[in-house]
Amino acid sequence: MKTFLCSLLGFVLASVIAWGALLLWGGLVLQLPPGDSYWDRTPYAADIFLACWPCLAIGAAMLAARLVR
């Protein structure tokens, strides 16, 4: 049970970091207004992010499960 909870925590933490970084990047670097969407400007960016985010989150979950053992 401890391994499952730590892997879940790793997945959630990596997801929060990925989505938070995306929002900060869109707001601070690109300086998008609140109503504008980065997904509309560059459609391939959504594909890249949605492919990398689960890989990062699953990797973090596996690392957390490995560290608990």
PDB file of N, CA and C in Angstrom:
ATOM      1  N   MET A   1       0.823  -1.191   0.000  1.00  0.00           N
ATOM      2  CA  MET A   1       0.000   0.000   0.000  1.00  0.00           C
ATOM      3  C   MET A   1       0.870   1.259   0.000  1.00  0.00           C
ATOM      4  N   LYS A   2       1.977   1.182   0.729  1.00  0.00           N
ATOM      5  CA  LYS A   2       2.876   2.323   0.800  1.00  0.00           C
ATOM      6  C   LYS A   2       3.480   2.623  -0.573  1.00  0.00           C
ATOM      7  N   THR A   3       3.818   1.580  -1.311  1.00  0.00           N
ATOM      8  CA  THR A   3       4.378   1.756  -2.652  1.00  0.00           C
ATOM      9  C   THR A   3       3.369   2.405  -3.583  1.00  0.00           C
ATOM     10  N   PHE A   4       2.122   1.961  -3.497  1.00  0.00           N
ATOM     11  CA  PHE A   4       1.070   2.541  -4.339  1.00  0.00           C
ATOM     12  C   PHE A   4       0.854   4.012  -4.018  1.00  0.00           C
ATOM     13  N   LEU A   5       0.804   4.354  -2.748  1.00  0.00           N
ATOM     14  CA  LEU A   5       0.569   5.746  -2.364  1.00  0.00           C
ATOM     15  C   LEU A   5       1.731   6.649  -2.777  1.00  0.00           C
ATOM     16  N   CYS A   6       2.938   6.167  -2.646  1.00  0.00           N
ATOM     17  CA  CYS A   6       4.087   6.970  -3.057  1.00  0.00           C
ATOM     18  C   CYS A   6       4.147   7.127  -4.573  1.00  0.00           C
ATOM     19  N   SER A   7       3.793   6.081  -5.303  1.00  0.00           N
ATOM     20  CA  SER A   7       3.783   6.214  -6.759  1.00  0.00           C
ATOM     21  C   SER A   7       2.657   7.149  -7.206  1.00  0.00           C
ATOM     22  N   LEU A   8       1.529   7.100  -6.528  1.00  0.00           N
ATOM     23  CA  LEU A   8       0.434   8.035  -6.822  1.00  0.00           C
ATOM     24  C   LEU A   8       0.859   9.468  -6.514  1.00  0.00           C
ATOM     25  N   LEU A   9       1.546   9.655  -5.405  1.00  0.00           N
ATOM     26  CA  LEU A   9       2.048  10.978  -5.053  1.00  0.00           C
ATOM     27  C   LEU A   9       3.052  11.475  -6.092  1.00  0.00           C
ATOM     28  N   GLY A  10       3.935  10.605  -6.559  1.00  0.00           N
ATOM     29  CA  GLY A  10       4.890  10.988  -7.605  1.00  0.00           C
ATOM     30  C   GLY A  10       4.188  11.384  -8.893  1.00  0.00           C
ATOM     31  N   PHE A  11       3.160  10.632  -9.277  1.00  0.00           N
ATOM     32  CA  PHE A  11       2.400  10.948 -10.486  1.00  0.00           C
ATOM     33  C   PHE A  11       1.704  12.298 -10.360  1.00  0.00           C
ATOM     34  N   VAL A  12       1.057  12.524  -9.225  1.00  0.00           N
ATOM     35  CA  VAL A  12       0.325  13.784  -9.014  1.00  0.00           C
ATOM     36  C   VAL A  12       1.292  14.961  -8.946  1.00  0.00           C
ATOM     37  N   LEU A  13       2.401  14.795  -8.244  1.00  0.00           N
ATOM     38  CA  LEU A  13       3.369  15.875  -8.124  1.00  0.00           C
ATOM     39  C   LEU A  13       3.972  16.235  -9.477  1.00  0.00           C
ATOM     40  N   ALA A  14       4.314  15.239 -10.277  1.00  0.00           N
ATOM     41  CA  ALA A  14       4.852  15.509 -11.612  1.00  0.00           C
ATOM     42  C   ALA A  14       3.802  16.174 -12.500  1.00  0.00           C
ATOM     43  N   SER A  15       2.549  15.792 -12.349  1.00  0.00           N
ATOM     44  CA  SER A  15       1.476  16.411 -13.137  1.00  0.00           C
ATOM     45  C   SER A  15       1.291  17.876 -12.751  1.00  0.00           C
ATOM     46  N   VAL A  16       1.321  18.159 -11.470  1.00  0.00           N
ATOM     47  CA  VAL A  16       1.179  19.547 -11.005  1.00  0.00           C
ATOM     48  C   VAL A  16       2.342  20.393 -11.515  1.00  0.00           C
ATOM     49  N   ILE A  17       3.551  19.837 -11.460  1.00  0.00           N
ATOM     50  CA  ILE A  17       4.720  20.580 -11.946  1.00  0.00           C
ATOM     51  C   ILE A  17       4.610  20.822 -13.458  1.00  0.00           C
ATOM     52  N   ALA A  18       4.209  19.807 -14.213  1.00  0.00           N
ATOM     53  CA  ALA A  18       4.115  19.959 -15.672  1.00  0.00           C
ATOM     54  C   ALA A  18       3.057  20.995 -16.057  1.00  0.00           C
ATOM     55  N   TRP A  19       1.875  20.891 -15.478  1.00  0.00           N
ATOM     56  CA  TRP A  19       0.813  21.837 -15.827  1.00  0.00           C
ATOM     57  C   TRP A  19       1.110  23.232 -15.302  1.00  0.00           C
ATOM     58  N   GLY A  20       1.698  23.323 -14.116  1.00  0.00           N
ATOM     59  CA  GLY A  20       2.066  24.630 -13.572  1.00  0.00           C
ATOM     60  C   GLY A  20       3.134  25.305 -14.416  1.00  0.00           C
ATOM     61  N   ALA A  21       4.112  24.521 -14.858  1.00  0.00           N
ATOM     62  CA  ALA A  21       5.152  25.085 -15.714  1.00  0.00           C
ATOM     63  C   ALA A  21       4.574  25.550 -17.048  1.00  0.00           C
ATOM     64  N   LEU A  22       3.630  24.799 -17.579  1.00  0.00           N
ATOM     65  CA  LEU A  22       2.992  25.209 -18.830  1.00  0.00           C
ATOM     66  C   LEU A  22       2.236  26.528 -18.655  1.00  0.00           C
ATOM     67  N   LEU A  23       1.514  26.658 -17.560  1.00  0.00           N
ATOM     68  CA  LEU A  23       0.769  27.895 -17.315  1.00  0.00           C
ATOM     69  C   LEU A  23       1.702  29.080 -17.077  1.00  0.00           C
ATOM     70  N   LEU A  24       2.770  28.858 -16.307  1.00  0.00           N
ATOM     71  CA  LEU A  24       3.725  29.938 -16.071  1.00  0.00           C
ATOM     72  C   LEU A  24       4.437  30.341 -17.358  1.00  0.00           C
ATOM     73  N   TRP A  25       4.802  29.354 -18.165  1.00  0.00           N
ATOM     74  CA  TRP A  25       5.473  29.653 -19.422  1.00  0.00           C
ATOM     75  C   TRP A  25       4.557  30.455 -20.348  1.00  0.00           C
ATOM     76  N   GLY A  26       3.305  30.048 -20.419  1.00  0.00           N
ATOM     77  CA  GLY A  26       2.350  30.774 -21.259  1.00  0.00           C
ATOM     78  C   GLY A  26       2.085  32.179 -20.758  1.00  0.00           C
ATOM     79  N   GLY A  27       2.060  32.330 -19.429  1.00  0.00           N
ATOM     80  CA  GLY A  27       1.755  33.639 -18.865  1.00  0.00           C
ATOM     81  C   GLY A  27       2.945  34.573 -18.781  1.00  0.00           C
ATOM     82  N   LEU A  28       4.110  34.049 -18.426  1.00  0.00           N
ATOM     83  CA  LEU A  28       5.271  34.913 -18.216  1.00  0.00           C
ATOM     84  C   LEU A  28       6.152  35.056 -19.454  1.00  0.00           C
ATOM     85  N   VAL A  29       6.420  33.965 -20.133  1.00  0.00           N
ATOM     86  CA  VAL A  29       7.329  34.026 -21.279  1.00  0.00           C
ATOM     87  C   VAL A  29       6.596  34.502 -22.528  1.00  0.00           C
ATOM     88  N   LEU A  30       5.480  33.861 -22.826  1.00  0.00           N
ATOM     89  CA  LEU A  30       4.735  34.242 -24.028  1.00  0.00           C
ATOM     90  C   LEU A  30       3.845  35.460 -23.811  1.00  0.00           C
ATOM     91  N   GLN A  31       3.546  35.772 -22.568  1.00  0.00           N
ATOM     92  CA  GLN A  31       2.690  36.895 -22.179  1.00  0.00           C
ATOM     93  C   GLN A  31       1.353  36.876 -22.926  1.00  0.00           C
ATOM     94  N   LEU A  32       0.700  35.720 -22.846  1.00  0.00           N
ATOM     95  CA  LEU A  32      -0.606  35.580 -23.482  1.00  0.00           C
ATOM     96  C   LEU A  32      -1.670  36.270 -22.635  1.00  0.00           C
ATOM     97  N   PRO A  33      -2.590  36.984 -23.255  1.00  0.00           N
ATOM     98  CA  PRO A  33      -3.696  37.550 -22.496  1.00  0.00           C
ATOM     99  C   PRO A  33      -4.596  36.435 -21.974  1.00  0.00           C
ATOM    100  N   PRO A  34      -5.383  36.692 -20.926  1.00  0.00           N
ATOM    101  CA  PRO A  34      -6.200  35.636 -20.319  1.00  0.00           C
ATOM    102  C   PRO A  34      -7.141  34.921 -21.279  1.00  0.00           C
ATOM    103  N   GLY A  35      -7.664  35.565 -22.281  1.00  0.00           N
ATOM    104  CA  GLY A  35      -8.601  34.924 -23.198  1.00  0.00           C
ATOM    105  C   GLY A  35      -7.937  34.180 -24.341  1.00  0.00           C
ATOM    106  N   ASP A  36      -6.630  34.375 -24.532  1.00  0.00           N
ATOM    107  CA  ASP A  36      -5.919  33.757 -25.648  1.00  0.00           C
ATOM    108  C   ASP A  36      -5.490  32.340 -25.285  1.00  0.00           C
ATOM    109  N   SER A  37      -5.349  31.495 -26.278  1.00  0.00           N
ATOM    110  CA  SER A  37      -4.977  30.105 -26.058  1.00  0.00           C
ATOM    111  C   SER A  37      -3.730  29.760 -26.860  1.00  0.00           C
ATOM    112  N   TYR A  38      -2.751  29.182 -26.187  1.00  0.00           N
ATOM    113  CA  TYR A  38      -1.534  28.754 -26.882  1.00  0.00           C
ATOM    114  C   TYR A  38      -1.827  27.575 -27.798  1.00  0.00           C
ATOM    115  N   TRP A  39      -2.815  26.758 -27.413  1.00  0.00           N
ATOM    116  CA  TRP A  39      -3.162  25.593 -28.236  1.00  0.00           C
ATOM    117  C   TRP A  39      -3.682  26.022 -29.604  1.00  0.00           C
ATOM    118  N   ASP A  40      -4.371  27.163 -29.673  1.00  0.00           N
ATOM    119  CA  ASP A  40      -4.882  27.651 -30.951  1.00  0.00           C
ATOM    120  C   ASP A  40      -3.765  28.223 -31.829  1.00  0.00           C
ATOM    121  N   ARG A  41      -2.775  28.799 -31.194  1.00  0.00           N
ATOM    122  CA  ARG A  41      -1.673  29.402 -31.954  1.00  0.00           C
ATOM    123  C   ARG A  41      -0.772  28.348 -32.588  1.00  0.00           C
ATOM    124  N   THR A  42      -0.432  27.315 -31.821  1.00  0.00           N
ATOM    125  CA  THR A  42       0.431  26.248 -32.327  1.00  0.00           C
ATOM    126  C   THR A  42      -0.211  24.908 -31.991  1.00  0.00           C
ATOM    127  N   PRO A  43      -0.934  24.326 -32.927  1.00  0.00           N
ATOM    128  CA  PRO A  43      -1.659  23.088 -32.659  1.00  0.00           C
ATOM    129  C   PRO A  43      -0.753  21.905 -32.306  1.00  0.00           C
ATOM    130  N   TYR A  44       0.457  21.857 -32.841  1.00  0.00           N
ATOM    131  CA  TYR A  44       1.345  20.736 -32.536  1.00  0.00           C
ATOM    132  C   TYR A  44       1.863  20.781 -31.099  1.00  0.00           C
ATOM    133  N   ALA A  45       1.799  21.929 -30.454  1.00  0.00           N
ATOM    134  CA  ALA A  45       2.278  22.044 -29.076  1.00  0.00           C
ATOM    135  C   ALA A  45       1.438  21.192 -28.138  1.00  0.00           C
ATOM    136  N   ALA A  46       0.157  21.102 -28.399  1.00  0.00           N
ATOM    137  CA  ALA A  46      -0.710  20.267 -27.561  1.00  0.00           C
ATOM    138  C   ALA A  46      -0.324  18.798 -27.688  1.00  0.00           C
ATOM    139  N   ASP A  47      -0.012  18.373 -28.909  1.00  0.00           N
ATOM    140  CA  ASP A  47       0.400  16.983 -29.115  1.00  0.00           C
ATOM    141  C   ASP A  47       1.702  16.676 -28.392  1.00  0.00           C
ATOM    142  N   ILE A  48       2.643  17.603 -28.466  1.00  0.00           N
ATOM    143  CA  ILE A  48       3.937  17.396 -27.810  1.00  0.00           C
ATOM    144  C   ILE A  48       3.766  17.367 -26.299  1.00  0.00           C
ATOM    145  N   PHE A  49       3.014  18.320 -25.751  1.00  0.00           N
ATOM    146  CA  PHE A  49       2.830  18.368 -24.303  1.00  0.00           C
ATOM    147  C   PHE A  49       2.070  17.149 -23.805  1.00  0.00           C
ATOM    148  N   LEU A  50       1.005  16.776 -24.507  1.00  0.00           N
ATOM    149  CA  LEU A  50       0.204  15.641 -24.055  1.00  0.00           C
ATOM    150  C   LEU A  50       0.915  14.305 -24.263  1.00  0.00           C
ATOM    151  N   ALA A  51       1.970  14.284 -25.052  1.00  0.00           N
ATOM    152  CA  ALA A  51       2.789  13.077 -25.168  1.00  0.00           C
ATOM    153  C   ALA A  51       3.865  13.031 -24.085  1.00  0.00           C
ATOM    154  N   CYS A  52       4.425  14.175 -23.763  1.00  0.00           N
ATOM    155  CA  CYS A  52       5.514  14.225 -22.772  1.00  0.00           C
ATOM    156  C   CYS A  52       5.012  14.186 -21.336  1.00  0.00           C
ATOM    157  N   TRP A  53       3.861  14.783 -21.074  1.00  0.00           N
ATOM    158  CA  TRP A  53       3.359  14.853 -19.705  1.00  0.00           C
ATOM    159  C   TRP A  53       3.121  13.468 -19.089  1.00  0.00           C
ATOM    160  N   PRO A  54       2.431  12.528 -19.764  1.00  0.00           N
ATOM    161  CA  PRO A  54       2.268  11.207 -19.136  1.00  0.00           C
ATOM    162  C   PRO A  54       3.589  10.466 -18.962  1.00  0.00           C
ATOM    163  N   CYS A  55       4.513  10.661 -19.896  1.00  0.00           N
ATOM    164  CA  CYS A  55       5.817   9.994 -19.760  1.00  0.00           C
ATOM    165  C   CYS A  55       6.550  10.514 -18.525  1.00  0.00           C
ATOM    166  N   LEU A  56       6.526  11.811 -18.324  1.00  0.00           N
ATOM    167  CA  LEU A  56       7.143  12.403 -17.146  1.00  0.00           C
ATOM    168  C   LEU A  56       6.456  11.934 -15.868  1.00  0.00           C
ATOM    169  N   ALA A  57       5.133  11.932 -15.872  1.00  0.00           N
ATOM    170  CA  ALA A  57       4.382  11.546 -14.675  1.00  0.00           C
ATOM    171  C   ALA A  57       4.566  10.060 -14.353  1.00  0.00           C
ATOM    172  N   ILE A  58       4.568   9.212 -15.355  1.00  0.00           N
ATOM    173  CA  ILE A  58       4.770   7.776 -15.125  1.00  0.00           C
ATOM    174  C   ILE A  58       6.200   7.516 -14.658  1.00  0.00           C
ATOM    175  N   GLY A  59       7.155   8.225 -15.234  1.00  0.00           N
ATOM    176  CA  GLY A  59       8.532   8.106 -14.786  1.00  0.00           C
ATOM    177  C   GLY A  59       8.708   8.520 -13.340  1.00  0.00           C
ATOM    178  N   ALA A  60       8.037   9.590 -12.939  1.00  0.00           N
ATOM    179  CA  ALA A  60       8.106  10.041 -11.546  1.00  0.00           C
ATOM    180  C   ALA A  60       7.432   9.044 -10.620  1.00  0.00           C
ATOM    181  N   ALA A  61       6.344   8.441 -11.058  1.00  0.00           N
ATOM    182  CA  ALA A  61       5.667   7.424 -10.243  1.00  0.00           C
ATOM    183  C   ALA A  61       6.551   6.197 -10.063  1.00  0.00           C
ATOM    184  N   MET A  62       7.232   5.795 -11.139  1.00  0.00           N
ATOM    185  CA  MET A  62       8.125   4.644 -11.036  1.00  0.00           C
ATOM    186  C   MET A  62       9.317   4.937 -10.139  1.00  0.00           C
ATOM    187  N   LEU A  63       9.838   6.148 -10.226  1.00  0.00           N
ATOM    188  CA  LEU A  63      10.955   6.543  -9.374  1.00  0.00           C
ATOM    189  C   LEU A  63      10.538   6.580  -7.912  1.00  0.00           C
ATOM    190  N   ALA A  64       9.357   7.129  -7.631  1.00  0.00           N
ATOM    191  CA  ALA A  64       8.871   7.174  -6.255  1.00  0.00           C
ATOM    192  C   ALA A  64       8.645   5.776  -5.707  1.00  0.00           C
ATOM    193  N   ALA A  65       8.097   4.890  -6.513  1.00  0.00           N
ATOM    194  CA  ALA A  65       7.882   3.498  -6.057  1.00  0.00           C
ATOM    195  C   ALA A  65       9.210   2.801  -5.818  1.00  0.00           C
ATOM    196  N   ARG A  66      10.191   3.096  -6.635  1.00  0.00           N
ATOM    197  CA  ARG A  66      11.517   2.484  -6.480  1.00  0.00           C
ATOM    198  C   ARG A  66      12.216   2.987  -5.226  1.00  0.00           C
ATOM    199  N   LEU A  67      12.058   4.273  -4.927  1.00  0.00           N
ATOM    200  CA  LEU A  67      12.711   4.855  -3.755  1.00  0.00           C
ATOM    201  C   LEU A  67      12.108   4.371  -2.448  1.00  0.00           C
ATOM    202  N   VAL A  68      10.835   4.006  -2.469  1.00  0.00           N
ATOM    203  CA  VAL A  68      10.163   3.549  -1.254  1.00  0.00           C
ATOM    204  C   VAL A  68      10.611   2.145  -0.878  1.00  0.00           C
ATOM    205  N   ARG A  69      10.900   1.328  -1.865  1.00  0.00           N
ATOM    206  CA  ARG A  69      11.277  -0.063  -1.596  1.00  0.00           C
ATOM    207  C   ARG A  69      12.518  -0.162  -0.826  1.00  0.00           C
TER     208      ARG A  69
END
